[in-house]
Structures are given as C-alpha cells and as structure tokens.
C-alpha cells in the first residue's frame, strides 16, 4: 500500500520483491501498526517524504534474507522495525549519544519503505528482537506508540502525578508502565468521550475526564499525545511550579499565544524527537515485566485507508494494526 502524495490515501500496488543490500535484512511482514504519524503523512503535514512511499513503522515479521555483512540477526528470527531507520554515526548528535537528532537520519515509512507491505528491507542495526510474550499483532504498536511514549515518560523525570492529554495507542501503553512505577495517571480525552475515559480507568488511571476539565489536583508533569497545540497552555496551567509539559508528537497544530505567567515559576515545555536504539532496548526489556498489554483493532492490509480514517475520526480504542495474514472481510473489531 503506497502513498503518492496526492491526498488520496494509500493505493494497493504490486511491486518487485526487494533485495537487501549490505548491512540490511529483508523481513517478511506479519503485522504493522497504524500510527498517527502515518495519518500526518497522507495528510501532507510532514515535509519532504520520499514519494511514492510505503508507510508503516511499527513493523513485525521474520527475517527472510540477509544482506552482506549481517551477523547479529538470523534467518527466521522475529524482529521489529521502528521509526528510526538509519543514522550516519558521525555527526555531532550521533557522536554524543543523541542519534535521535542525527543530521542525516532516515525514517521508516517516510524516507524508507515501511511495513504496509508483505516484505520490507531494513538496516539490521535498527531491527530489534521481539519478546516472546507478545504475538505479532500485539507487538506491533510497541515499536512506536510504546517507544515514543516511553521516551516521553522518561522526560518527566520522577514526576508522580502525570496528566496524559489524548488517550490513544501511546497513552494506553504508557499508563501501564507509569502504574508499574507507582505513579498516578490523570487521563484527558476529547470532551464527552466517556467510553475512552472508562478505558483509561480500566488501565489504572486514577481520574479520567475531558480536556475541558481540570484535574482534581495539581500535576507534576503532563504529556501531550494529541496533536493539538491548544492543549499546551492548558497543560501548563495544570502543572505545578517546576513542572514539565512534554509534547510527544512529530506534528502538532500551532500553539496559541498565552500569558507568560502560565510558563513562569520554572515550568518548561519539551518536545520528543524520534527515538534511540537504547530507548528500544530499554522499553522492550521492561514491557514484559509490567506486563504491558496492547488493546488492538485489527485490519487487513488492503483496509489501511479504513484504519486511517477511523483514527482520524477518533473511533479507535487502543491501537490499529494491519494483520498481513488477514483478508478483508468487512469486520473491523479487535
């Protein structure tokens, strides 16, 4: 399923089987998560994608072919392919353990063909073994919703009372990690979305309400998962002096002007950019210990546009996943 930059969603096409180059592997894809970043891509909100492009950066499958020089992965091994697909290793950020900010980074499903396909080629250095406790569909959202959510959580330091603005794929996974760490989660959803609020409470949120409501107490930190810039001043007003507001998305609508007093008292705003391989290793180690469980709604590959549209309308509880073993049937349940 490829996007051609015409605003018409992804199109089913037959392409030649890709061959792995030196240092690469070919993966036979079994499942691929549908991420909000994919929606930003097909809405032309991300700059300079490599078009046409196969989206998808929450990819799970088994190694089908090895390129020259690959030694750390084996044929038949189950791996995950995340958003960060290649870094140069020599620029300033790479040399200072900040490869997520690599000046020449390339990203899966954006500049490198991703997992909305039966096969994908990836840099072996950026493929990660999947814990045995997860099946393919459940593992897929861990590779972006989980990884970016985990990096966002780490940016809150030791904050105990956390506000999560937007409660979709990432928030529902990271709520479980936060509860494992004995933190309190306050979930903010679309106003009036009682179903999602019940879902948040079922995962351990101590409070859930609309983003137009105030939490019952001051928050130590907040993570904004929804791509809505207007939530930034709302979250700033909700956090204590010295608190941090973390913006977790790759794209967000413009942040409106707000009074300086809402930022004063050493509150701060941070963004999360991409992920590192260390993030992946750390999260995939802690996830089975929690254990993090992923609520999924499953679609066939050719139903990718259906999944993206349901995400756009806010109709998904948990994460959408394309199951490459599934054929379209008109049924889009979990």
Protein backbone atom coordinates (compact mmCIF):
# COMPACT_ATOMS: atom_id res chain seq x y z
CA UNK A 1 0.00 0.00 0.00
CA UNK A 2 1.77 3.14 -1.24
CA UNK A 3 1.18 6.86 -0.86
CA UNK A 4 1.87 9.03 -3.92
CA UNK A 5 1.43 12.48 -2.38
CA UNK A 6 -1.92 13.19 -3.96
CA UNK A 7 -4.02 13.36 -0.78
CA UNK A 8 -5.98 10.26 -1.80
CA UNK A 9 -4.72 7.85 0.83
CA UNK A 10 -2.68 4.73 0.11
CA UNK A 11 -3.10 2.66 -3.05
CA UNK A 12 -2.70 -1.10 -3.42
CA UNK A 13 0.09 -1.94 -5.87
CA UNK A 14 2.23 -4.92 -6.93
CA UNK A 15 5.98 -4.20 -6.61
CA UNK A 16 9.08 -6.33 -7.20
CA UNK A 17 10.39 -8.27 -4.21
CA UNK A 18 13.06 -6.01 -2.62
CA UNK A 19 16.59 -7.33 -2.14
CA UNK A 20 18.61 -6.42 0.96
CA UNK A 21 21.85 -4.55 0.43
CA UNK A 22 24.98 -4.74 2.56
CA UNK A 23 24.10 -4.48 6.25
CA UNK A 24 20.39 -4.91 5.56
CA UNK A 25 17.81 -7.63 6.07
CA UNK A 26 14.60 -8.42 4.26
CA UNK A 27 11.69 -9.07 6.59
CA UNK A 28 8.50 -10.94 5.70
CA UNK A 29 5.95 -8.72 7.42
CA UNK A 30 3.26 -10.32 9.57
CA UNK A 31 1.84 -7.20 11.25
CA UNK A 32 2.24 -3.42 11.08
CA UNK A 33 0.77 -0.86 13.43
CA UNK A 34 -1.10 2.15 12.09
CA UNK A 35 0.34 5.26 13.72
CA UNK A 36 -0.90 8.85 13.80
CA UNK A 37 2.33 9.77 12.02
CA UNK A 38 1.04 7.74 9.05
CA UNK A 39 -2.05 9.94 9.10
CA UNK A 40 0.10 13.09 9.15
CA UNK A 41 2.00 11.67 6.16
CA UNK A 42 -1.05 11.10 3.97
CA UNK A 43 -2.49 14.46 5.04
CA UNK A 44 0.69 16.09 3.67
CA UNK A 45 1.57 17.55 7.05
CA UNK A 46 5.15 16.22 7.09
CA UNK A 47 7.84 17.86 4.95
CA UNK A 48 9.67 16.16 2.08
CA UNK A 49 8.66 12.50 2.26
CA UNK A 50 10.27 10.18 -0.29
CA UNK A 51 7.39 9.64 -2.68
CA UNK A 52 5.91 7.30 -3.57
CA UNK A 53 6.37 5.70 -0.15
CA UNK A 54 5.13 2.59 1.63
CA UNK A 55 4.09 3.87 5.09
CA UNK A 56 4.33 1.97 8.34
CA UNK A 57 6.97 2.00 11.07
CA UNK A 58 5.58 -0.42 13.66
CA UNK A 59 6.66 -3.49 11.72
CA UNK A 60 6.83 -7.06 12.99
CA UNK A 61 7.99 -10.01 10.90
CA UNK A 62 10.64 -12.64 10.37
CA UNK A 63 14.00 -12.23 8.69
CA UNK A 64 13.66 -13.66 5.19
CA UNK A 65 17.04 -12.74 3.66
CA UNK A 66 20.37 -11.40 4.92
CA UNK A 67 22.48 -8.79 3.17
CA UNK A 68 26.26 -8.97 3.12
CA UNK A 69 27.93 -8.47 6.47
CA UNK A 70 24.88 -9.05 8.70
CA UNK A 71 25.96 -11.14 11.70
CA UNK A 72 23.69 -10.25 14.61
CA UNK A 73 20.41 -11.49 13.09
CA UNK A 74 19.44 -14.94 11.83
CA UNK A 75 17.14 -16.21 9.10
CA UNK A 76 13.70 -16.84 10.55
CA UNK A 77 14.29 -14.59 13.58
CA UNK A 78 11.33 -12.44 14.60
CA UNK A 79 12.19 -8.75 14.69
CA UNK A 80 10.59 -5.32 14.92
CA UNK A 81 11.39 -2.35 12.69
CA UNK A 82 10.75 1.09 14.26
CA UNK A 83 10.53 4.71 13.02
CA UNK A 84 14.27 5.44 13.22
CA UNK A 85 15.62 3.50 10.25
CA UNK A 86 19.18 4.78 9.70
CA UNK A 87 21.69 7.20 11.23
CA UNK A 88 25.08 8.32 9.98
CA UNK A 89 27.01 7.65 13.21
CA UNK A 90 29.41 10.54 12.57
CA UNK A 91 27.58 13.85 13.04
CA UNK A 92 27.63 15.78 16.32
CA UNK A 93 24.40 14.33 17.76
CA UNK A 94 25.39 10.76 16.83
CA UNK A 95 28.81 11.19 18.47
CA UNK A 96 27.19 12.47 21.67
CA UNK A 97 24.62 9.68 22.20
CA UNK A 98 21.78 11.65 20.61
CA UNK A 99 21.25 9.64 17.46
CA UNK A 100 17.55 10.56 17.53
CA UNK A 101 18.72 14.00 16.36
CA UNK A 102 21.08 12.72 13.64
CA UNK A 103 21.53 15.38 10.98
CA UNK A 104 21.11 12.82 8.18
CA UNK A 105 18.67 10.39 9.79
CA UNK A 106 16.25 8.45 7.62
CA UNK A 107 12.93 7.15 8.85
CA UNK A 108 10.89 4.04 8.15
CA UNK A 109 7.67 4.66 6.25
CA UNK A 110 8.80 8.23 5.47
CA UNK A 111 12.10 8.05 3.59
CA UNK A 112 12.46 4.24 3.68
CA UNK A 113 9.62 1.96 2.52
CA UNK A 114 7.86 0.59 5.58
CA UNK A 115 5.53 -2.13 6.71
CA UNK A 116 2.29 -1.59 4.77
CA UNK A 117 3.60 -4.39 2.55
CA UNK A 118 4.28 -8.11 2.52
CA UNK A 119 8.05 -7.57 2.63
CA UNK A 120 10.27 -4.75 3.91
CA UNK A 121 14.02 -4.12 3.79
CA UNK A 122 15.66 -2.56 6.84
CA UNK A 123 19.08 -1.71 8.25
CA UNK A 124 19.94 -4.66 10.50
CA UNK A 125 21.30 -2.29 13.17
CA UNK A 126 17.80 -0.87 13.63
CA UNK A 127 15.91 -4.16 13.94
CA UNK A 128 15.09 -5.46 17.41
CA UNK A 129 14.17 -8.94 18.69
CA UNK A 130 10.57 -9.07 19.93
CA UNK A 131 9.91 -10.55 23.41
CA UNK A 132 8.35 -14.00 23.17
CA UNK A 133 5.45 -12.98 25.41
CA UNK A 134 3.86 -10.93 22.59
CA UNK A 135 2.18 -12.20 19.46
CA UNK A 136 2.84 -10.33 16.23
CA UNK A 137 -0.26 -8.12 16.30
CA UNK A 138 0.14 -7.17 19.95
CA UNK A 139 3.84 -6.41 19.49
CA UNK A 140 3.45 -4.00 16.56
CA UNK A 141 2.27 -0.89 18.49
CA UNK A 142 5.15 -1.30 20.94
CA UNK A 143 7.50 -0.16 18.18
CA UNK A 144 6.32 3.46 18.06
CA UNK A 145 3.41 4.11 20.39
CA UNK A 146 5.37 2.25 23.04
CA UNK A 147 8.85 3.56 22.25
CA UNK A 148 7.91 7.23 21.81
CA UNK A 149 5.60 7.02 24.82
CA UNK A 150 8.41 5.53 26.88
CA UNK A 151 10.86 8.26 25.83
CA UNK A 152 8.21 10.86 26.72
CA UNK A 153 7.69 9.27 30.12
CA UNK A 154 11.43 9.35 30.84
CA UNK A 155 11.39 13.11 30.11
CA UNK A 156 9.04 13.64 33.06
CA UNK A 157 11.82 12.57 35.45
CA UNK A 158 10.48 11.36 38.78
CA UNK A 159 7.13 13.17 38.47
CA UNK A 160 4.49 11.28 40.43
CA UNK A 161 1.20 12.80 39.22
CA UNK A 162 1.05 12.67 35.43
CA UNK A 163 -1.50 14.14 33.06
CA UNK A 164 -1.92 12.40 29.69
CA UNK A 165 -3.67 14.59 27.12
CA UNK A 166 -5.06 12.35 24.39
CA UNK A 167 -5.63 8.72 25.27
CA UNK A 168 -4.90 6.56 22.25
CA UNK A 169 -2.28 3.99 21.34
CA UNK A 170 0.70 5.55 23.15
CA UNK A 171 -1.12 6.70 26.29
CA UNK A 172 -2.81 3.36 26.91
CA UNK A 173 0.57 1.56 26.78
CA UNK A 174 2.49 4.07 28.87
CA UNK A 175 -0.24 4.28 31.50
CA UNK A 176 0.63 0.68 32.32
CA UNK A 177 4.34 1.49 32.68
CA UNK A 178 3.56 4.53 34.85
CA UNK A 179 1.35 2.46 37.15
CA UNK A 180 4.11 -0.19 37.34
CA UNK A 181 6.37 2.62 38.58
CA UNK A 182 3.78 3.64 41.21
CA UNK A 183 2.86 6.90 39.52
CA UNK A 184 -0.63 8.36 39.26
CA UNK A 185 -2.15 8.91 35.81
CA UNK A 186 -4.82 11.53 35.07
CA UNK A 187 -6.28 10.96 31.58
CA UNK A 188 -7.70 13.79 29.46
CA UNK A 189 -9.79 12.79 26.43
CA UNK A 190 -11.98 14.53 23.91
CA UNK A 191 -14.79 16.26 25.84
CA UNK A 192 -17.69 13.89 26.34
CA UNK A 193 -15.78 10.75 25.32
CA UNK A 194 -16.98 8.62 28.22
CA UNK A 195 -16.01 5.33 26.53
CA UNK A 196 -12.34 6.31 26.33
CA UNK A 197 -12.49 7.65 29.88
CA UNK A 198 -13.77 4.27 31.10
CA UNK A 199 -10.98 2.60 29.11
CA UNK A 200 -8.37 4.80 30.80
CA UNK A 201 -9.72 4.00 34.26
CA UNK A 202 -9.71 0.28 33.44
CA UNK A 203 -5.95 0.55 32.82
CA UNK A 204 -5.32 2.18 36.18
CA UNK A 205 -5.85 5.92 35.62
CA UNK A 206 -6.93 7.39 38.95
CA UNK A 207 -9.03 10.01 37.15
CA UNK A 208 -10.32 10.50 33.61
CA UNK A 209 -12.23 13.40 32.12
CA UNK A 210 -12.43 15.72 29.13
CA UNK A 211 -9.62 18.07 28.16
CA UNK A 212 -12.01 20.90 29.00
CA UNK A 213 -11.99 19.80 32.65
CA UNK A 214 -9.49 20.37 35.42
CA UNK A 215 -7.77 17.51 37.20
CA UNK A 216 -8.75 17.09 40.87
CA UNK A 217 -5.20 18.05 41.90
CA UNK A 218 -2.14 19.83 40.53
CA UNK A 219 0.01 17.68 38.22
CA UNK A 220 3.76 17.23 38.48
CA UNK A 221 4.09 16.77 34.71
CA UNK A 222 1.99 16.31 31.59
CA UNK A 223 2.47 14.52 28.28
CA UNK A 224 0.51 15.73 25.26
CA UNK A 225 -0.15 12.83 22.90
CA UNK A 226 -2.89 14.57 20.91
CA UNK A 227 -1.57 16.72 18.01
CA UNK A 228 -3.38 19.79 19.30
CA UNK A 229 -1.28 22.85 20.07
CA UNK A 230 -4.08 24.48 22.09
CA UNK A 231 -3.52 21.83 24.78
CA UNK A 232 -0.05 23.22 25.60
CA UNK A 233 -1.24 26.24 27.63
CA UNK A 234 -3.98 24.06 29.14
CA UNK A 235 -1.36 21.60 30.38
CA UNK A 236 0.91 24.40 31.60
CA UNK A 237 -1.90 25.70 33.79
CA UNK A 238 -2.36 22.20 35.20
CA UNK A 239 1.24 21.54 36.30
CA UNK A 240 2.93 22.68 39.49
CA UNK A 241 5.81 25.20 39.57
CA UNK A 242 8.85 23.46 38.15
CA UNK A 243 6.63 21.03 36.23
CA UNK A 244 7.25 19.94 32.64
CA UNK A 245 4.90 19.62 29.67
CA UNK A 246 6.16 17.08 27.11
CA UNK A 247 4.88 17.27 23.53
CA UNK A 248 5.12 13.70 22.23
CA UNK A 249 4.09 14.01 18.58
CA UNK A 250 6.08 14.57 15.42
CA UNK A 251 3.46 17.10 14.28
CA UNK A 252 1.19 19.44 16.21
CA UNK A 253 -1.11 22.28 15.25
CA UNK A 254 0.11 25.76 16.15
CA UNK A 255 0.42 26.62 19.82
CA UNK A 256 -1.67 29.72 20.57
CA UNK A 257 -0.28 32.71 22.42
CA UNK A 258 -0.59 32.50 26.19
CA UNK A 259 0.37 34.76 29.14
CA UNK A 260 3.94 34.43 30.37
CA UNK A 261 2.65 33.82 33.92
CA UNK A 262 1.47 30.38 32.78
CA UNK A 263 5.07 29.43 31.95
CA UNK A 264 6.66 31.30 34.87
CA UNK A 265 7.86 29.58 38.08
CA UNK A 266 10.25 27.39 36.08
CA UNK A 267 7.65 25.42 34.21
CA UNK A 268 9.02 24.07 30.94
CA UNK A 269 7.88 22.75 27.57
CA UNK A 270 9.80 19.95 25.83
CA UNK A 271 9.33 18.09 22.58
CA UNK A 272 10.19 14.49 21.83
CA UNK A 273 12.03 13.83 18.59
CA UNK A 274 12.17 10.28 17.31
CA UNK A 275 13.86 7.60 19.45
CA UNK A 276 17.19 5.93 20.01
CA UNK A 277 18.19 2.29 19.91
CA UNK A 278 18.74 2.50 23.66
CA UNK A 279 15.09 3.56 24.06
CA UNK A 280 14.05 0.47 22.12
CA UNK A 281 16.18 -1.90 24.16
CA UNK A 282 15.03 -0.40 27.47
CA UNK A 283 11.33 -0.42 26.64
CA UNK A 284 11.32 -3.91 25.13
CA UNK A 285 13.02 -5.11 28.32
CA UNK A 286 10.55 -3.51 30.74
CA UNK A 287 7.36 -4.17 28.73
CA UNK A 288 7.14 -7.92 29.50
CA UNK A 289 7.85 -7.27 33.20
CA UNK A 290 4.94 -4.87 33.65
CA UNK A 291 3.45 -6.65 31.63
CA UNK A 292 2.31 -4.07 29.07
CA UNK A 293 -0.75 -5.30 27.20
CA UNK A 294 -1.92 -3.72 23.98
CA UNK A 295 -5.57 -3.25 23.07
CA UNK A 296 -5.76 -3.65 19.30
CA UNK A 297 -8.26 -3.33 16.49
CA UNK A 298 -7.18 -5.46 13.55
CA UNK A 299 -7.49 -4.71 9.83
CA UNK A 300 -6.34 -6.44 6.66
CA UNK A 301 -3.55 -4.78 4.66
CA UNK A 302 -5.93 -3.58 1.96
CA UNK A 303 -8.08 -1.94 4.68
CA UNK A 304 -5.30 0.51 5.59
CA UNK A 305 -7.36 3.53 4.48
CA UNK A 306 -10.25 2.36 6.65
CA UNK A 307 -7.97 2.17 9.69
CA UNK A 308 -6.51 5.62 8.97
CA UNK A 309 -9.94 7.17 8.59
CA UNK A 310 -11.17 5.63 11.83
CA UNK A 311 -8.10 7.07 13.55
CA UNK A 312 -8.86 10.47 12.05
CA UNK A 313 -12.38 10.33 13.48
CA UNK A 314 -11.20 9.21 16.91
CA UNK A 315 -13.06 5.90 16.67
CA UNK A 316 -10.23 3.60 17.81
CA UNK A 317 -9.78 2.31 21.34
CA UNK A 318 -6.14 1.37 21.73
CA UNK A 319 -4.13 0.76 18.56
CA UNK A 320 -4.96 -0.16 14.97
CA UNK A 321 -2.86 -2.96 13.44
CA UNK A 322 -2.68 -4.32 9.90
CA UNK A 323 -2.52 -8.12 10.03
CA UNK A 324 -0.83 -9.32 6.85
CA UNK A 325 -2.30 -12.81 7.39
CA UNK A 326 -5.85 -11.47 7.33
CA UNK A 327 -8.05 -10.86 4.32
CA UNK A 328 -10.60 -8.07 4.11
CA UNK A 329 -13.95 -9.18 5.44
CA UNK A 330 -15.81 -6.01 6.37
CA UNK A 331 -15.32 -6.76 10.05
CA UNK A 332 -13.07 -4.33 11.92
CA UNK A 333 -13.24 -5.50 15.51
CA UNK A 334 -10.46 -6.32 17.94
